[in-house]
Amino acid sequence: MISAEFLINLTIEYNSLVRQAASDFKISSSQAFNLLSIPFDGISMSSLSKKLGLDASTLTRNVNNLIKLNYVI
């Protein structure tokens, strides 16, 4: 039980940090999670969509916004 509680608290703290950082960079937390999930050597949109469990259209919209902000190429 202690390890499950620890993992839950760790997840909550991690989510909080990502939300705060996203706010600082004027992006949504969803866009921040998308950005953090992209490997340095790149990934196909379909693979990233599967990895994150998102519809391709949602991911594409978020990534297009990140491209406009010059966070991804």
C-alpha atoms as a PDB file:
ATOM      1  CA  MET A   1       0.000   0.000   0.000  1.00  0.00           C
ATOM      2  CA  ILE A   2       2.814   2.413   0.807  1.00  0.00           C
ATOM      3  CA  SER A   3       4.375   2.046  -2.660  1.00  0.00           C
ATOM      4  CA  ALA A   4       1.012   2.663  -4.368  1.00  0.00           C
ATOM      5  CA  GLU A   5       0.528   5.789  -2.253  1.00  0.00           C
ATOM      6  CA  PHE A   6       4.054   6.912  -3.090  1.00  0.00           C
ATOM      7  CA  LEU A   7       3.442   6.488  -6.836  1.00  0.00           C
ATOM      8  CA  ILE A   8       0.188   8.428  -6.648  1.00  0.00           C
ATOM      9  CA  ASN A   9       1.848  11.282  -4.754  1.00  0.00           C
ATOM     10  CA  LEU A  10       4.783  11.273  -7.175  1.00  0.00           C
ATOM     11  CA  THR A  11       2.390  11.490 -10.130  1.00  0.00           C
ATOM     12  CA  ILE A  12       0.477  14.357  -8.551  1.00  0.00           C
ATOM     13  CA  GLU A  13       3.681  16.279  -7.839  1.00  0.00           C
ATOM     14  CA  TYR A  14       4.988  15.650 -11.370  1.00  0.00           C
ATOM     15  CA  ASN A  15       1.705  16.828 -12.911  1.00  0.00           C
ATOM     16  CA  SER A  16       1.814  19.951 -10.770  1.00  0.00           C
ATOM     17  CA  LEU A  17       5.353  20.783 -11.913  1.00  0.00           C
ATOM     18  CA  VAL A  18       4.442  20.270 -15.562  1.00  0.00           C
ATOM     19  CA  ARG A  19       1.348  22.489 -15.209  1.00  0.00           C
ATOM     20  CA  GLN A  20       3.408  25.250 -13.587  1.00  0.00           C
ATOM     21  CA  ALA A  21       6.086  25.061 -16.281  1.00  0.00           C
ATOM     22  CA  ALA A  22       3.428  25.026 -19.015  1.00  0.00           C
ATOM     23  CA  SER A  23       1.914  28.175 -17.565  1.00  0.00           C
ATOM     24  CA  ASP A  24       5.337  29.866 -17.574  1.00  0.00           C
ATOM     25  CA  PHE A  25       5.761  29.023 -21.262  1.00  0.00           C
ATOM     26  CA  LYS A  26       2.172  30.031 -22.121  1.00  0.00           C
ATOM     27  CA  ILE A  27       1.157  26.569 -23.334  1.00  0.00           C
ATOM     28  CA  SER A  28      -1.466  24.135 -22.094  1.00  0.00           C
ATOM     29  CA  SER A  29      -0.515  21.269 -19.822  1.00  0.00           C
ATOM     30  CA  SER A  30      -1.548  18.896 -22.608  1.00  0.00           C
ATOM     31  CA  GLN A  31       0.887  20.607 -24.977  1.00  0.00           C
ATOM     32  CA  ALA A  32       3.597  20.407 -22.307  1.00  0.00           C
ATOM     33  CA  PHE A  33       3.045  16.661 -21.865  1.00  0.00           C
ATOM     34  CA  ASN A  34       3.151  16.259 -25.652  1.00  0.00           C
ATOM     35  CA  LEU A  35       6.401  18.215 -25.801  1.00  0.00           C
ATOM     36  CA  LEU A  36       7.989  16.198 -23.006  1.00  0.00           C
ATOM     37  CA  SER A  37       7.056  12.966 -24.793  1.00  0.00           C
ATOM     38  CA  ILE A  38       8.914  13.764 -27.994  1.00  0.00           C
ATOM     39  CA  PRO A  39      12.354  12.081 -28.077  1.00  0.00           C
ATOM     40  CA  PHE A  40      15.329  14.244 -29.072  1.00  0.00           C
ATOM     41  CA  ASP A  41      15.776  12.238 -32.275  1.00  0.00           C
ATOM     42  CA  GLY A  42      12.091  12.664 -33.204  1.00  0.00           C
ATOM     43  CA  ILE A  43       9.082  10.400 -33.512  1.00  0.00           C
ATOM     44  CA  SER A  44       6.328   9.944 -36.062  1.00  0.00           C
ATOM     45  CA  MET A  45       2.985  11.528 -35.271  1.00  0.00           C
ATOM     46  CA  SER A  46       1.254   8.147 -35.363  1.00  0.00           C
ATOM     47  CA  SER A  47       3.756   6.620 -32.921  1.00  0.00           C
ATOM     48  CA  LEU A  48       3.464   9.605 -30.580  1.00  0.00           C
ATOM     49  CA  SER A  49      -0.318   9.440 -30.816  1.00  0.00           C
ATOM     50  CA  LYS A  50      -0.265   5.779 -29.777  1.00  0.00           C
ATOM     51  CA  LYS A  51       2.295   6.435 -27.023  1.00  0.00           C
ATOM     52  CA  LEU A  52       0.135   9.175 -25.493  1.00  0.00           C
ATOM     53  CA  GLY A  53      -3.233   7.552 -26.184  1.00  0.00           C
ATOM     54  CA  LEU A  54      -4.475  10.591 -28.096  1.00  0.00           C
ATOM     55  CA  ASP A  55      -6.454  10.938 -31.290  1.00  0.00           C
ATOM     56  CA  ALA A  56      -4.188  11.920 -34.151  1.00  0.00           C
ATOM     57  CA  SER A  57      -6.223  15.094 -34.740  1.00  0.00           C
ATOM     58  CA  THR A  58      -5.792  16.252 -31.130  1.00  0.00           C
ATOM     59  CA  LEU A  59      -2.072  15.565 -31.203  1.00  0.00           C
ATOM     60  CA  THR A  60      -1.673  17.294 -34.568  1.00  0.00           C
ATOM     61  CA  ARG A  61      -3.463  20.402 -33.297  1.00  0.00           C
ATOM     62  CA  ASN A  62      -1.257  20.552 -30.187  1.00  0.00           C
ATOM     63  CA  VAL A  63       1.958  19.953 -32.130  1.00  0.00           C
ATOM     64  CA  ASN A  64       1.003  22.574 -34.724  1.00  0.00           C
ATOM     65  CA  ASN A  65       0.597  25.098 -31.908  1.00  0.00           C
ATOM     66  CA  LEU A  66       4.005  24.097 -30.528  1.00  0.00           C
ATOM     67  CA  ILE A  67       5.511  24.562 -33.998  1.00  0.00           C
ATOM     68  CA  LYS A  68       4.034  28.082 -34.213  1.00  0.00           C
ATOM     69  CA  LEU A  69       5.696  28.874 -30.884  1.00  0.00           C
ATOM     70  CA  ASN A  70       9.032  27.425 -32.146  1.00  0.00           C
ATOM     71  CA  TYR A  71       9.109  24.723 -29.446  1.00  0.00           C
ATOM     72  CA  VAL A  72       9.334  21.924 -32.020  1.00  0.00           C
ATOM     73  CA  ILE A  73      10.484  21.700 -35.620  1.00  0.00           C
END
